[in-house]
C-alpha atoms as a PDB file:
ATOM      1  CA  MET A   1     128.805  14.875 130.304  1.00  0.00           C
ATOM      2  CA  LYS A   2     126.133  16.623 132.321  1.00  0.00           C
ATOM      3  CA  GLN A   3     128.186  16.404 135.460  1.00  0.00           C
ATOM      4  CA  LEU A   4     131.258  17.778 133.679  1.00  0.00           C
ATOM      5  CA  TYR A   5     129.147  20.630 132.299  1.00  0.00           C
ATOM      6  CA  TYR A   6     127.957  21.625 135.763  1.00  0.00           C
ATOM      7  CA  TYR A   7     131.353  21.024 137.334  1.00  0.00           C
ATOM      8  CA  PHE A   8     133.462  23.050 134.872  1.00  0.00           C
ATOM      9  CA  GLY A   9     130.966  25.192 133.014  1.00  0.00           C
ATOM     10  CA  SER A  10     130.114  25.448 129.358  1.00  0.00           C
ATOM     11  CA  ASP A  11     133.269  27.352 128.350  1.00  0.00           C
ATOM     12  CA  VAL A  12     135.671  24.695 129.609  1.00  0.00           C
ATOM     13  CA  LEU A  13     133.587  21.848 128.223  1.00  0.00           C
ATOM     14  CA  ARG A  14     133.290  23.562 124.831  1.00  0.00           C
ATOM     15  CA  ARG A  15     137.046  24.244 124.673  1.00  0.00           C
ATOM     16  CA  GLY A  16     137.875  20.710 125.737  1.00  0.00           C
ATOM     17  CA  LEU A  17     135.529  19.128 123.197  1.00  0.00           C
ATOM     18  CA  LYS A  18     136.796  21.356 120.399  1.00  0.00           C
ATOM     19  CA  SER A  19     140.403  20.491 121.189  1.00  0.00           C
ATOM     20  CA  TYR A  20     139.603  16.797 121.562  1.00  0.00           C
ATOM     21  CA  PHE A  21     137.753  16.497 118.243  1.00  0.00           C
ATOM     22  CA  LYS A  22     140.398  18.495 116.401  1.00  0.00           C
ATOM     23  CA  LYS A  23     143.307  16.484 117.784  1.00  0.00           C
ATOM     24  CA  TYR A  24     141.719  13.041 117.450  1.00  0.00           C
ATOM     25  CA  ALA A  25     139.572  13.407 114.322  1.00  0.00           C
ATOM     26  CA  PHE A  26     139.157  10.004 112.638  1.00  0.00           C
ATOM     27  CA  LYS A  27     141.361   8.280 115.225  1.00  0.00           C
ATOM     28  CA  ASN A  28     140.773   5.789 118.007  1.00  0.00           C
ATOM     29  CA  THR A  29     140.989   7.196 121.511  1.00  0.00           C
ATOM     30  CA  GLU A  30     140.615   6.247 125.129  1.00  0.00           C
ATOM     31  CA  LEU A  31     138.951   7.967 128.060  1.00  0.00           C
ATOM     32  CA  LYS A  32     142.310   9.334 129.215  1.00  0.00           C
ATOM     33  CA  ASP A  33     142.684  11.223 125.911  1.00  0.00           C
ATOM     34  CA  PHE A  34     139.380  13.007 126.447  1.00  0.00           C
ATOM     35  CA  LEU A  35     140.141  13.773 130.087  1.00  0.00           C
ATOM     36  CA  GLN A  36     143.560  15.123 129.142  1.00  0.00           C
ATOM     37  CA  GLU A  37     142.072  17.601 126.648  1.00  0.00           C
ATOM     38  CA  LEU A  38     139.421  18.633 129.142  1.00  0.00           C
ATOM     39  CA  SER A  39     142.092  19.181 131.802  1.00  0.00           C
ATOM     40  CA  LYS A  40     144.057  21.405 129.419  1.00  0.00           C
ATOM     41  CA  ALA A  41     140.923  23.451 128.732  1.00  0.00           C
ATOM     42  CA  ALA A  42     140.259  23.819 132.455  1.00  0.00           C
ATOM     43  CA  ILE A  43     143.806  25.047 133.067  1.00  0.00           C
ATOM     44  CA  THR A  44     143.335  27.829 130.480  1.00  0.00           C
ATOM     45  CA  VAL A  45     140.633  29.340 132.692  1.00  0.00           C
ATOM     46  CA  GLY A  46     142.533  28.784 135.945  1.00  0.00           C
ATOM     47  CA  ILE A  47     141.001  25.505 137.133  1.00  0.00           C
ATOM     48  CA  LYS A  48     143.520  22.884 138.247  1.00  0.00           C
ATOM     49  CA  GLU A  49     141.598  19.672 138.692  1.00  0.00           C
ATOM     50  CA  ASP A  50     142.827  16.076 138.521  1.00  0.00           C
ATOM     51  CA  LEU A  51     140.323  14.479 136.173  1.00  0.00           C
ATOM     52  CA  MET A  52     141.970  11.084 136.368  1.00  0.00           C
ATOM     53  CA  LYS A  53     141.128  11.002 140.071  1.00  0.00           C
ATOM     54  CA  TRP A  54     137.558  12.086 139.258  1.00  0.00           C
ATOM     55  CA  SER A  55     137.320   9.394 136.594  1.00  0.00           C
ATOM     56  CA  LEU A  56     138.439   6.683 139.004  1.00  0.00           C
ATOM     57  CA  SER A  57     135.873   7.645 141.624  1.00  0.00           C
ATOM     58  CA  TRP A  58     132.887   8.421 139.357  1.00  0.00           C
ATOM     59  CA  LEU A  59     133.315   6.366 136.196  1.00  0.00           C
ATOM     60  CA  GLU A  60     135.590   3.445 136.896  1.00  0.00           C
ATOM     61  CA  SER A  61     134.408   2.255 140.302  1.00  0.00           C
ATOM     62  CA  SER A  62     131.331   0.371 141.314  1.00  0.00           C
ATOM     63  CA  GLY A  63     129.015   1.085 144.172  1.00  0.00           C
ATOM     64  CA  ILE A  64     127.222   4.080 145.518  1.00  0.00           C
ATOM     65  CA  ASN A  65     128.992   7.396 145.780  1.00  0.00           C
ATOM     66  CA  ILE A  66     128.885   8.878 149.246  1.00  0.00           C
ATOM     67  CA  ILE A  67     128.449  12.594 149.676  1.00  0.00           C
ATOM     68  CA  LYS A  68     128.931  14.181 153.075  1.00  0.00           C
ATOM     69  CA  THR A  69     127.910  17.648 154.076  1.00  0.00           C
ATOM     70  CA  GLN A  70     130.115  19.859 156.163  1.00  0.00           C
ATOM     71  CA  PHE A  71     129.064  23.134 157.699  1.00  0.00           C
ATOM     72  CA  ASP A  72     130.131  25.481 160.443  1.00  0.00           C
ATOM     73  CA  GLU A  73     127.802  26.609 163.198  1.00  0.00           C
ATOM     74  CA  GLU A  74     128.413  29.667 165.339  1.00  0.00           C
ATOM     75  CA  ASN A  75     125.979  31.096 167.886  1.00  0.00           C
ATOM     76  CA  GLY A  76     123.144  29.032 166.480  1.00  0.00           C
ATOM     77  CA  PHE A  77     123.711  30.153 162.872  1.00  0.00           C
ATOM     78  CA  ILE A  78     124.950  27.956 160.068  1.00  0.00           C
END
């Protein structure tokens, strides 16, 4: 949840949670249901992100995540 908060911001997370709880109140759900509502909330503010792909790499896979940095250098300045 923390990562989603920092990734999308509080507005998207709040909208997604509100929609999710309203739609699935007192029902059984799966992770895909939550991610679908969060994706819809992100689209309303112009963010088009594939959360299923994110879920596969961050939540549903084992091992260490690898982060690589990439930067451009020109005339000795980054």
